[in-house]
Structures are given as C-alpha cells and as structure tokens.
Protein backbone atom coordinates (compact mmCIF):
# COMPACT_ATOMS: atom_id res chain seq x y z
CA UNK A 1 101.39 136.36 82.07
CA UNK A 2 102.17 132.84 83.23
CA UNK A 3 102.46 131.57 79.67
CA UNK A 4 104.74 134.48 78.73
CA UNK A 5 106.91 133.87 81.80
CA UNK A 6 107.27 130.16 81.10
CA UNK A 7 108.07 130.85 77.45
CA UNK A 8 110.81 133.28 78.49
CA UNK A 9 112.12 130.89 81.16
CA UNK A 10 112.08 127.39 79.62
CA UNK A 11 113.75 125.82 82.66
CA UNK A 12 110.83 126.86 84.88
CA UNK A 13 107.67 124.80 85.26
CA UNK A 14 105.62 127.32 87.23
CA UNK A 15 105.45 131.00 88.12
CA UNK A 16 106.06 131.47 91.81
CA UNK A 17 107.54 134.12 94.07
CA UNK A 18 108.41 134.61 97.73
CA UNK A 19 107.25 137.56 99.82
CA UNK A 20 107.53 138.38 103.56
CA UNK A 21 104.64 139.31 105.85
CA UNK A 22 104.73 139.92 109.59
CA UNK A 23 102.91 137.62 111.99
CA UNK A 24 100.00 139.91 112.89
CA UNK A 25 96.47 138.65 112.30
CA UNK A 26 95.76 141.45 109.82
CA UNK A 27 98.93 140.90 107.81
CA UNK A 28 98.42 137.16 107.68
CA UNK A 29 94.84 137.68 106.51
CA UNK A 30 96.11 140.02 103.79
CA UNK A 31 98.73 137.46 102.80
CA UNK A 32 96.12 134.71 102.57
CA UNK A 33 93.84 136.88 100.46
CA UNK A 34 96.64 137.78 98.04
CA UNK A 35 97.90 134.20 97.92
CA UNK A 36 94.43 132.93 97.02
CA UNK A 37 94.00 135.69 94.45
CA UNK A 38 97.26 134.80 92.70
CA UNK A 39 96.37 131.10 92.85
CA UNK A 40 93.33 131.80 90.70
CA UNK A 41 95.77 133.02 88.04
CA UNK A 42 97.99 129.94 88.41
CA UNK A 43 100.65 131.98 90.23
CA UNK A 44 102.09 130.64 93.47
CA UNK A 45 102.84 133.15 96.23
CA UNK A 46 105.07 131.68 98.93
CA UNK A 47 104.71 133.55 102.24
CA UNK A 48 107.64 133.97 104.61
CA UNK A 49 106.46 135.04 108.07
CA UNK A 50 108.98 137.48 109.55
CA UNK A 51 108.55 140.58 111.67
CA UNK A 52 108.88 143.91 109.87
CA UNK A 53 112.25 144.77 111.39
CA UNK A 54 113.66 141.43 110.26
CA UNK A 55 112.54 141.47 106.63
CA UNK A 56 113.22 145.21 106.27
CA UNK A 57 116.80 144.69 107.46
CA UNK A 58 117.22 142.03 104.79
CA UNK A 59 115.44 143.94 102.02
CA UNK A 60 117.39 147.16 102.57
CA UNK A 61 120.75 145.43 102.99
CA UNK A 62 122.79 146.76 100.06
CA UNK A 63 125.93 144.84 100.99
CA UNK A 64 124.61 141.49 99.77
CA UNK A 65 124.21 142.74 96.20
CA UNK A 66 121.09 140.66 95.70
CA UNK A 67 117.42 140.63 96.61
CA UNK A 68 116.41 138.86 99.80
CA UNK A 69 112.90 138.29 98.44
CA UNK A 70 111.21 138.19 95.04
CA UNK A 71 108.78 140.88 96.17
CA UNK A 72 108.04 143.03 99.20
CA UNK A 73 104.74 144.75 99.92
CA UNK A 74 105.78 148.12 101.28
CA UNK A 75 104.75 151.71 100.69
CA UNK A 76 107.66 153.47 99.01
CA UNK A 77 106.10 155.80 96.45
CA UNK A 78 103.50 157.31 98.74
CA UNK A 79 104.19 161.02 98.50
CA UNK A 80 103.98 163.62 95.73
CA UNK A 81 107.38 165.18 96.47
CA UNK A 82 109.91 164.07 93.84
CA UNK A 83 112.84 164.38 96.26
CA UNK A 84 111.28 161.76 98.55
CA UNK A 85 110.50 159.33 95.74
CA UNK A 86 113.76 159.77 93.82
CA UNK A 87 115.94 157.26 95.79
CA UNK A 88 113.36 154.52 95.31
CA UNK A 89 113.16 155.00 91.55
CA UNK A 90 116.79 155.58 90.53
CA UNK A 91 119.45 152.89 90.32
CA UNK A 92 121.56 155.09 92.60
CA UNK A 93 120.82 158.27 94.53
CA UNK A 94 124.13 159.77 93.34
CA UNK A 95 124.89 160.26 89.64
CA UNK A 96 128.30 159.04 88.48
CA UNK A 97 129.49 162.62 87.90
CA UNK A 98 128.11 163.99 91.19
CA UNK A 99 130.17 166.66 92.94
CA UNK A 100 128.34 166.07 96.22
CA UNK A 101 130.89 165.24 98.94
CA UNK A 102 128.52 162.52 100.13
CA UNK A 103 129.19 160.71 96.87
CA UNK A 104 131.68 158.62 98.83
CA UNK A 105 128.62 156.60 99.85
CA UNK A 106 127.59 155.98 96.23
CA UNK A 107 128.75 152.37 96.36
CA UNK A 108 126.81 151.62 99.54
CA UNK A 109 124.03 153.96 100.67
CA UNK A 110 123.45 155.19 97.13
CA UNK A 111 121.72 151.92 96.31
CA UNK A 112 119.69 151.54 99.48
CA UNK A 113 116.41 152.78 98.02
CA UNK A 114 116.66 150.62 94.90
CA UNK A 115 114.90 147.63 96.43
CA UNK A 116 114.33 145.94 93.09
CA UNK A 117 118.00 146.43 92.25
CA UNK A 118 117.08 147.35 88.69
CA UNK A 119 119.90 148.53 86.40
CA UNK A 120 117.93 150.73 84.00
CA UNK A 121 120.05 153.90 84.01
CA UNK A 122 117.64 155.45 81.52
CA UNK A 123 115.37 155.98 84.52
CA UNK A 124 118.19 157.90 86.21
CA UNK A 125 118.75 160.10 83.16
CA UNK A 126 115.06 160.90 82.87
CA UNK A 127 114.80 161.64 86.60
CA UNK A 128 117.69 164.11 86.49
CA UNK A 129 116.19 165.76 83.41
CA UNK A 130 112.95 166.14 85.31
CA UNK A 131 114.73 167.61 88.32
CA UNK A 132 116.46 170.11 86.01
CA UNK A 133 113.26 171.20 84.23
CA UNK A 134 112.48 174.87 84.86
CA UNK A 135 108.82 175.28 83.96
CA UNK A 136 105.76 173.45 85.29
CA UNK A 137 104.92 172.25 81.78
CA UNK A 138 108.41 170.85 81.23
CA UNK A 139 108.40 169.22 84.67
CA UNK A 140 105.09 167.51 83.92
CA UNK A 141 106.31 166.25 80.56
CA UNK A 142 109.59 165.03 82.03
CA UNK A 143 107.99 163.08 84.86
CA UNK A 144 105.53 161.52 82.43
CA UNK A 145 108.57 160.22 80.54
CA UNK A 146 109.97 158.80 83.80
CA UNK A 147 106.67 157.10 84.54
CA UNK A 148 106.43 155.67 81.03
CA UNK A 149 109.91 154.13 81.27
CA UNK A 150 109.25 152.62 84.69
CA UNK A 151 105.95 151.14 83.52
CA UNK A 152 107.36 149.84 80.24
CA UNK A 153 110.05 147.93 82.14
CA UNK A 154 107.63 146.79 84.88
CA UNK A 155 110.02 147.97 87.60
CA UNK A 156 107.20 148.57 90.10
CA UNK A 157 103.62 147.57 90.63
CA UNK A 158 101.01 149.32 92.73
CA UNK A 159 99.33 147.26 95.42
CA UNK A 160 98.05 150.49 96.95
CA UNK A 161 95.69 151.12 94.05
CA UNK A 162 94.68 147.47 94.14
CA UNK A 163 93.90 147.73 97.84
CA UNK A 164 91.89 150.92 97.55
CA UNK A 165 90.01 149.66 94.52
CA UNK A 166 89.08 146.59 96.53
CA UNK A 167 87.99 148.65 99.53
CA UNK A 168 86.02 151.28 97.64
CA UNK A 169 84.37 149.00 95.10
CA UNK A 170 83.35 146.11 97.32
CA UNK A 171 79.78 145.17 98.11
CA UNK A 172 79.75 147.39 101.20
CA UNK A 173 80.25 150.41 98.90
CA UNK A 174 82.76 152.16 101.16
CA UNK A 175 83.48 155.74 100.15
CA UNK A 176 85.20 158.87 101.42
CA UNK A 177 88.77 157.76 100.79
CA UNK A 178 91.09 160.73 101.36
CA UNK A 179 88.26 163.26 101.39
CA UNK A 180 88.35 164.33 105.06
CA UNK A 181 89.49 167.96 105.40
CA UNK A 182 91.83 168.39 108.36
CA UNK A 183 92.60 171.97 107.39
CA UNK A 184 89.98 173.96 105.50
CA UNK A 185 90.56 173.59 101.79
CA UNK A 186 93.11 170.81 102.20
CA UNK A 187 92.49 167.08 102.09
CA UNK A 188 94.58 164.42 103.75
CA UNK A 189 96.62 162.05 101.60
CA UNK A 190 94.79 158.74 101.13
CA UNK A 191 97.99 156.75 101.60
CA UNK A 192 101.32 157.77 103.11
CA UNK A 193 104.45 156.02 104.27
CA UNK A 194 102.79 155.79 107.69
CA UNK A 195 99.91 153.76 106.29
CA UNK A 196 96.41 154.25 104.94
CA UNK A 197 93.99 156.98 105.99
CA UNK A 198 90.84 155.38 107.30
CA UNK A 199 89.37 158.61 108.71
CA UNK A 200 86.24 159.74 106.89
CA UNK A 201 85.41 156.35 105.38
CA UNK A 202 81.69 155.72 105.16
CA UNK A 203 79.18 153.63 103.31
CA UNK A 204 78.25 155.22 100.00
C-alpha cells in the first residue's frame, strides 16, 4: 500500500496521516497500539490529543468544506437499520430532486454525516435504489451493490472488525462476543454507537 501511495503521489516521501484521540488512559493506549501497528507497515500515524467534544465539533463542521483530520476512529455504521446508516454513506442526505421541505438544509446539514466528504454520487444512486426496492431479495441485492461500490472506492474501513478480531483471537482466547441474551431469543448487538458490548465475554 505504501509503494502504491508513493507511486500515485510522487511529491510525497512517506505515507502518514493524522488522527485525534482523547486524553484518557485507555484511548491513549489504543492510539499507541495502532501507531505501533502502522509503523510496522512503514505508515506513520500522527496522534492529536483532543477531547471528544473538541475533535467531534471539528470533524462534523460542514461549514469549513474540508476535513479537519485525515482519519477519525468513530463508530458510525454500527446499526443494521438503513435509515440510521444512510447519512453517513451518502454524499448528501437529501437528493438533488428532493421534495422534502427540509431540503433547504441540503447545503449545510445535508453533508453533516459525510465525514470523509467523498463525492461519489454513484453511492447515492445505489442507496436510493435500495431504499426503493420492494422485495427482500431486491433489497439484499441492492445493498450488496452499495457495499461493493463503497469498498471498491475505499470510502470506509472497519476498525470495529479489527478490534473484535484482536480481542477474540488473542492468546487469552476471549469468546462470547455479542452472545448474551437479554431477552429470550434475542442477542445484544456486539457493537453499537454507544460502544462495545463487553457483557458475556469469557475465556474460550
């Protein structure tokens, strides 16, 4: 990846990026772990220590028209409901031809979920097609197309899967991720916007 990046950016001499973490002991430990992991791949991760309210205010500020950081570690796509995830995937929450009276906010709040500020409107088209699908089979096919486009353009990466893979496959052999039944027949979500579910974890 480093070689490909440098080839595509001849004025650069290294692959580096800046990311914010709050000042808590846990967050700083996570930052150090990730920084050291990237270093093994010849990638430099520069850590900016700022409290969550500070970096979030910068990251979600749509008025600047640019990204405050190269990357932010935050749980956006943490639910299975398409309506919740939609604003974070689309370039704008309102389509250009929207008849919604709230469209007056298209130029401001419409972009607020697009943290990466990507401009791939094909993602928008595919999302609306998926929302318009009428059968479960068509919905599944449509959202697979959305996922394929997002992955092909590398618009997002999943640190959640990385984190859980690290937790559940480490030498302590931790298991039970997301398996605790709060209501009979229903399991809790392993990861939500509120954080990770540690209940039910045990040594395998």
